[in-house]
């Protein structure tokens, strides 16, 4: 596996929390951050593939058709955009 370096700037509070979790997990901070990034990449790729599959051949115009058919009622209390 090839590796590369990347200078990473983190807020002190995030770095300290990550370092503590890495220590508890028994790994280096570098290993912890690499695993966290890998996990996030996997989740986002999986979500993107899932959403593409669910969308199928749908187009934005398809969505407009459903939005126009939605009932014209006010939002539930506490759910309005402010």
C-alpha atoms as a PDB file:
ATOM      1  CA  UNK A   1       0.000   0.000   0.000  1.00  0.00           C
ATOM      2  CA  UNK A   2       1.444   3.358  -0.944  1.00  0.00           C
ATOM      3  CA  UNK A   3       1.175   6.195   1.528  1.00  0.00           C
ATOM      4  CA  UNK A   4       1.377   9.951   1.378  1.00  0.00           C
ATOM      5  CA  UNK A   5       1.590  12.667   3.959  1.00  0.00           C
ATOM      6  CA  UNK A   6      -0.843  15.509   4.423  1.00  0.00           C
ATOM      7  CA  UNK A   7      -0.367  18.389   6.836  1.00  0.00           C
ATOM      8  CA  UNK A   8      -3.523  18.505   8.916  1.00  0.00           C
ATOM      9  CA  UNK A   9      -4.582  21.443  11.042  1.00  0.00           C
ATOM     10  CA  UNK A  10      -7.157  20.673  13.712  1.00  0.00           C
ATOM     11  CA  UNK A  11      -8.669  22.807  16.440  1.00  0.00           C
ATOM     12  CA  UNK A  12      -6.924  21.956  19.714  1.00  0.00           C
ATOM     13  CA  UNK A  13     -10.129  20.591  21.242  1.00  0.00           C
ATOM     14  CA  UNK A  14     -10.651  18.143  18.353  1.00  0.00           C
ATOM     15  CA  UNK A  15      -7.020  17.028  18.408  1.00  0.00           C
ATOM     16  CA  UNK A  16      -7.106  16.476  22.170  1.00  0.00           C
ATOM     17  CA  UNK A  17     -10.351  14.484  21.942  1.00  0.00           C
ATOM     18  CA  UNK A  18      -8.989  12.377  19.070  1.00  0.00           C
ATOM     19  CA  UNK A  19      -5.725  11.778  20.936  1.00  0.00           C
ATOM     20  CA  UNK A  20      -7.641  10.618  24.011  1.00  0.00           C
ATOM     21  CA  UNK A  21      -9.809   8.258  21.963  1.00  0.00           C
ATOM     22  CA  UNK A  22      -6.733   6.914  20.163  1.00  0.00           C
ATOM     23  CA  UNK A  23      -5.036   6.305  23.507  1.00  0.00           C
ATOM     24  CA  UNK A  24      -8.110   4.462  24.820  1.00  0.00           C
ATOM     25  CA  UNK A  25      -8.218   2.421  21.604  1.00  0.00           C
ATOM     26  CA  UNK A  26      -4.506   1.619  21.907  1.00  0.00           C
ATOM     27  CA  UNK A  27      -3.466   3.157  18.581  1.00  0.00           C
ATOM     28  CA  UNK A  28      -1.458   6.166  17.518  1.00  0.00           C
ATOM     29  CA  UNK A  29      -3.189   9.436  16.748  1.00  0.00           C
ATOM     30  CA  UNK A  30      -2.103   9.014  13.132  1.00  0.00           C
ATOM     31  CA  UNK A  31      -3.707   5.551  12.941  1.00  0.00           C
ATOM     32  CA  UNK A  32      -6.860   6.860  14.593  1.00  0.00           C
ATOM     33  CA  UNK A  33      -7.205   9.758  12.131  1.00  0.00           C
ATOM     34  CA  UNK A  34      -6.455   7.519   9.122  1.00  0.00           C
ATOM     35  CA  UNK A  35      -9.132   5.044  10.247  1.00  0.00           C
ATOM     36  CA  UNK A  36     -11.640   7.847  10.859  1.00  0.00           C
ATOM     37  CA  UNK A  37     -11.066   9.282   7.383  1.00  0.00           C
ATOM     38  CA  UNK A  38     -11.332   5.827   5.801  1.00  0.00           C
ATOM     39  CA  UNK A  39     -14.591   5.216   7.649  1.00  0.00           C
ATOM     40  CA  UNK A  40     -16.047   8.537   6.497  1.00  0.00           C
ATOM     41  CA  UNK A  41     -14.995   7.919   2.878  1.00  0.00           C
ATOM     42  CA  UNK A  42     -16.671   4.495   2.988  1.00  0.00           C
ATOM     43  CA  UNK A  43     -19.889   5.879   4.428  1.00  0.00           C
ATOM     44  CA  UNK A  44     -20.125   8.691   1.891  1.00  0.00           C
ATOM     45  CA  UNK A  45     -19.349   6.422  -1.059  1.00  0.00           C
ATOM     46  CA  UNK A  46     -21.902   3.892   0.122  1.00  0.00           C
ATOM     47  CA  UNK A  47     -24.529   6.605   0.649  1.00  0.00           C
ATOM     48  CA  UNK A  48     -23.837   8.077  -2.786  1.00  0.00           C
ATOM     49  CA  UNK A  49     -24.189   4.681  -4.471  1.00  0.00           C
ATOM     50  CA  UNK A  50     -27.362   3.923  -2.504  1.00  0.00           C
ATOM     51  CA  UNK A  51     -28.958   7.239  -3.437  1.00  0.00           C
ATOM     52  CA  UNK A  52     -28.027   6.872  -7.099  1.00  0.00           C
ATOM     53  CA  UNK A  53     -29.573   3.414  -7.138  1.00  0.00           C
ATOM     54  CA  UNK A  54     -32.750   4.625  -5.419  1.00  0.00           C
ATOM     55  CA  UNK A  55     -33.048   7.555  -7.835  1.00  0.00           C
ATOM     56  CA  UNK A  56     -32.821   5.258 -10.849  1.00  0.00           C
ATOM     57  CA  UNK A  57     -33.736   7.241 -13.935  1.00  0.00           C
ATOM     58  CA  UNK A  58     -35.580   9.952 -11.999  1.00  0.00           C
ATOM     59  CA  UNK A  59     -35.077  13.547 -13.091  1.00  0.00           C
ATOM     60  CA  UNK A  60     -35.643  16.858 -11.306  1.00  0.00           C
ATOM     61  CA  UNK A  61     -38.845  17.230 -13.347  1.00  0.00           C
ATOM     62  CA  UNK A  62     -40.154  14.035 -11.759  1.00  0.00           C
ATOM     63  CA  UNK A  63     -39.750  15.619  -8.349  1.00  0.00           C
ATOM     64  CA  UNK A  64     -41.575  18.776  -9.440  1.00  0.00           C
ATOM     65  CA  UNK A  65     -44.572  16.639 -10.426  1.00  0.00           C
ATOM     66  CA  UNK A  66     -44.759  15.208  -6.893  1.00  0.00           C
ATOM     67  CA  UNK A  67     -44.231  18.560  -5.218  1.00  0.00           C
ATOM     68  CA  UNK A  68     -47.084  20.109  -7.218  1.00  0.00           C
ATOM     69  CA  UNK A  69     -49.352  17.238  -6.177  1.00  0.00           C
ATOM     70  CA  UNK A  70     -48.552  17.701  -2.470  1.00  0.00           C
ATOM     71  CA  UNK A  71     -51.375  19.160  -0.372  1.00  0.00           C
ATOM     72  CA  UNK A  72     -51.179  22.887   0.315  1.00  0.00           C
ATOM     73  CA  UNK A  73     -51.209  22.808   4.113  1.00  0.00           C
ATOM     74  CA  UNK A  74     -49.180  24.797   6.620  1.00  0.00           C
ATOM     75  CA  UNK A  75     -46.277  23.059   8.357  1.00  0.00           C
ATOM     76  CA  UNK A  76     -46.779  21.330  11.671  1.00  0.00           C
ATOM     77  CA  UNK A  77     -46.127  23.666  14.620  1.00  0.00           C
ATOM     78  CA  UNK A  78     -42.411  23.926  15.260  1.00  0.00           C
ATOM     79  CA  UNK A  79     -41.556  22.673  11.762  1.00  0.00           C
ATOM     80  CA  UNK A  80     -41.732  26.016   9.934  1.00  0.00           C
ATOM     81  CA  UNK A  81     -38.685  27.644   8.394  1.00  0.00           C
ATOM     82  CA  UNK A  82     -37.755  30.743  10.365  1.00  0.00           C
END
